[in-house]
Each structure stands twice: as C-alpha cells, then as structure tokens.
C-alpha atoms as a PDB file:
ATOM      1  CA  MET A   1     -75.104 -81.272  31.578  1.00  0.00           C
ATOM      2  CA  VAL A   2     -72.512 -82.905  33.818  1.00  0.00           C
ATOM      3  CA  LEU A   3     -70.244 -80.609  35.814  1.00  0.00           C
ATOM      4  CA  ARG A   4     -67.084 -81.505  37.666  1.00  0.00           C
ATOM      5  CA  PRO A   5     -67.328 -81.281  41.477  1.00  0.00           C
ATOM      6  CA  GLY A   6     -65.070 -78.209  41.658  1.00  0.00           C
ATOM      7  CA  VAL A   7     -67.148 -76.324  39.119  1.00  0.00           C
ATOM      8  CA  ARG A   8     -70.353 -77.360  40.832  1.00  0.00           C
ATOM      9  CA  ALA A   9     -69.069 -76.131  44.206  1.00  0.00           C
ATOM     10  CA  THR A  10     -67.959 -72.805  42.712  1.00  0.00           C
ATOM     11  CA  LEU A  11     -71.352 -72.241  41.129  1.00  0.00           C
ATOM     12  CA  PHE A  12     -73.079 -73.139  44.384  1.00  0.00           C
ATOM     13  CA  VAL A  13     -71.005 -70.619  46.357  1.00  0.00           C
ATOM     14  CA  CYS A  14     -71.463 -67.858  43.769  1.00  0.00           C
ATOM     15  CA  LEU A  15     -75.207 -68.312  43.493  1.00  0.00           C
ATOM     16  CA  PHE A  16     -76.013 -68.565  47.181  1.00  0.00           C
ATOM     17  CA  ALA A  17     -73.467 -66.062  48.480  1.00  0.00           C
ATOM     18  CA  SER A  18     -75.377 -63.260  46.803  1.00  0.00           C
ATOM     19  CA  VAL A  19     -78.562 -64.303  48.611  1.00  0.00           C
ATOM     20  CA  LEU A  20     -77.063 -64.280  52.106  1.00  0.00           C
ATOM     21  CA  PRO A  21     -77.314 -61.028  54.078  1.00  0.00           C
ATOM     22  CA  ALA A  22     -74.125 -59.117  54.775  1.00  0.00           C
ATOM     23  CA  GLN A  23     -72.810 -58.919  58.315  1.00  0.00           C
ATOM     24  CA  GLN A  24     -73.940 -55.821  60.166  1.00  0.00           C
ATOM     25  CA  ASP A  25     -71.420 -53.177  61.173  1.00  0.00           C
ATOM     26  CA  ARG A  26     -70.001 -53.992  64.616  1.00  0.00           C
ATOM     27  CA  ILE A  27     -68.751 -50.450  65.337  1.00  0.00           C
ATOM     28  CA  ALA A  28     -71.760 -48.864  67.010  1.00  0.00           C
ATOM     29  CA  THR A  29     -70.582 -45.256  67.321  1.00  0.00           C
ATOM     30  CA  ALA A  30     -68.097 -42.869  65.731  1.00  0.00           C
ATOM     31  CA  ILE A  31     -64.459 -43.233  66.782  1.00  0.00           C
ATOM     32  CA  ASP A  32     -63.322 -40.364  69.022  1.00  0.00           C
ATOM     33  CA  ALA A  33     -59.672 -39.387  68.437  1.00  0.00           C
ATOM     34  CA  ARG A  34     -59.421 -37.917  71.941  1.00  0.00           C
ATOM     35  CA  TYR A  35     -59.246 -41.425  73.373  1.00  0.00           C
ATOM     36  CA  ALA A  36     -56.637 -42.767  70.945  1.00  0.00           C
ATOM     37  CA  ILE A  37     -53.313 -43.893  72.412  1.00  0.00           C
ATOM     38  CA  GLY A  38     -50.008 -44.922  70.914  1.00  0.00           C
ATOM     39  CA  VAL A  39     -48.642 -48.362  71.734  1.00  0.00           C
ATOM     40  CA  ARG A  40     -44.890 -48.432  72.158  1.00  0.00           C
ATOM     41  CA  GLY A  41     -43.084 -51.102  70.168  1.00  0.00           C
ATOM     42  CA  SER A  42     -45.994 -51.933  67.906  1.00  0.00           C
ATOM     43  CA  VAL A  43     -44.331 -50.636  64.726  1.00  0.00           C
ATOM     44  CA  PRO A  44     -40.990 -51.997  63.459  1.00  0.00           C
ATOM     45  CA  ARG A  45     -38.081 -49.572  63.358  1.00  0.00           C
ATOM     46  CA  GLN A  46     -37.787 -50.008  59.584  1.00  0.00           C
ATOM     47  CA  ALA A  47     -41.310 -48.663  59.059  1.00  0.00           C
ATOM     48  CA  GLN A  48     -40.170 -45.123  58.327  1.00  0.00           C
ATOM     49  CA  PRO A  49     -40.804 -42.940  55.283  1.00  0.00           C
ATOM     50  CA  LYS A  50     -37.095 -42.945  54.374  1.00  0.00           C
ATOM     51  CA  TYR A  51     -37.250 -46.715  53.749  1.00  0.00           C
ATOM     52  CA  GLU A  52     -40.324 -46.516  51.501  1.00  0.00           C
ATOM     53  CA  SER A  53     -39.187 -46.795  47.880  1.00  0.00           C
ATOM     54  CA  TRP A  54     -42.634 -46.102  46.403  1.00  0.00           C
ATOM     55  CA  ILE A  55     -42.992 -42.616  47.904  1.00  0.00           C
ATOM     56  CA  LEU A  56     -42.394 -39.890  45.344  1.00  0.00           C
ATOM     57  CA  ARG A  57     -40.088 -37.253  46.720  1.00  0.00           C
END
C-alpha cells in the first residue's frame, strides 16, 4: 500500500503522539488569592460587560 507523504506524516504523528508521555504540571502548589494583584492598563477599555453581545440580560 503506497501512501502519499502527507498521509504518511499524519499517521506517524498520530501513532507516536499517543506513546509519548504528557508534560508534567509546572505549577507546584495551589495559587493563593491573597497574593494576586491587578495590573493597570492590561485590559482594553472596551472589555466591559455592556459591550458583550452574547451575555443574556
């Protein structure tokens, strides 16, 4: 059975990706909300609930 190179590469990735171990979690401890801070200017002004058309009112 002759496969095109693109099909062969896709099969290779699908078969061997399931064998590879998943990356371990890099967050070692629980996140403590007491140390959370807000960063000024990190959210655009238009990012407000009144501009969200998908929110059911």
